[in-house]
Amino acid sequence: MSRRRSALRITVMLAAMLALLCATGAAADGGVFTEFSGTETCVPVPGSLTIVMHGGNMHFAESYDCVDTASIPEASGTVQVSMKGVFDAATFAGPFTASAHFTNAEGGWIEWATGSLGDGVGSMRSHGRGEGAYEGMQAWWECTWPVSMGNLEMTCAGRILDPHK
């Protein structure tokens, strides 16, 4: 189990360093960062939850339909999310990964996220690459939410890098 945790920690650290390098390099070449904040409300897709118990761990996969409302139009729209994770069956605490496709009238974002649940709070960091009107742009989100069964009501903040400006 410690090898798995070590591998997960290394993977998360490498992903964070890569995201930082990409953001730093793009900003150095020109571009403008735009900060934003907002909410994301997610509803589980009926029938999408899969749970496999292994020892004291719960391996799960679930899909969500979400609506994002943000302070800028580039971060407001609908999102389809696929999430997978491994939680302690007794506490429901543990890590997860997610992939998502965000869309609105202007374009969209292909997103990847890592996060965790613990002590009654969920947290997630996400990175997205733009498509449509957002082609060439990158976005970063950080979201938190109180853990409960059913819908997810997240509070998010982030920034978008537009290298065209």
Foldseek 3Di string as FASTA:
>chain_A
DVVVVVVVVVVVVVVVVVVVVVVVVLVVLAWDKDKKKWKKKKFWDPPFWDWDDDPQKIWIKTKIKMFIDMPDPQGGFIKIKIKIWIARNVFRWGKIKMWMWGDDPQWTWTKIKIWIDDPQKIKMKMKTAIDGNRHPKIKIKIWMFGDDPGMTMIIMMIMMIDSVD
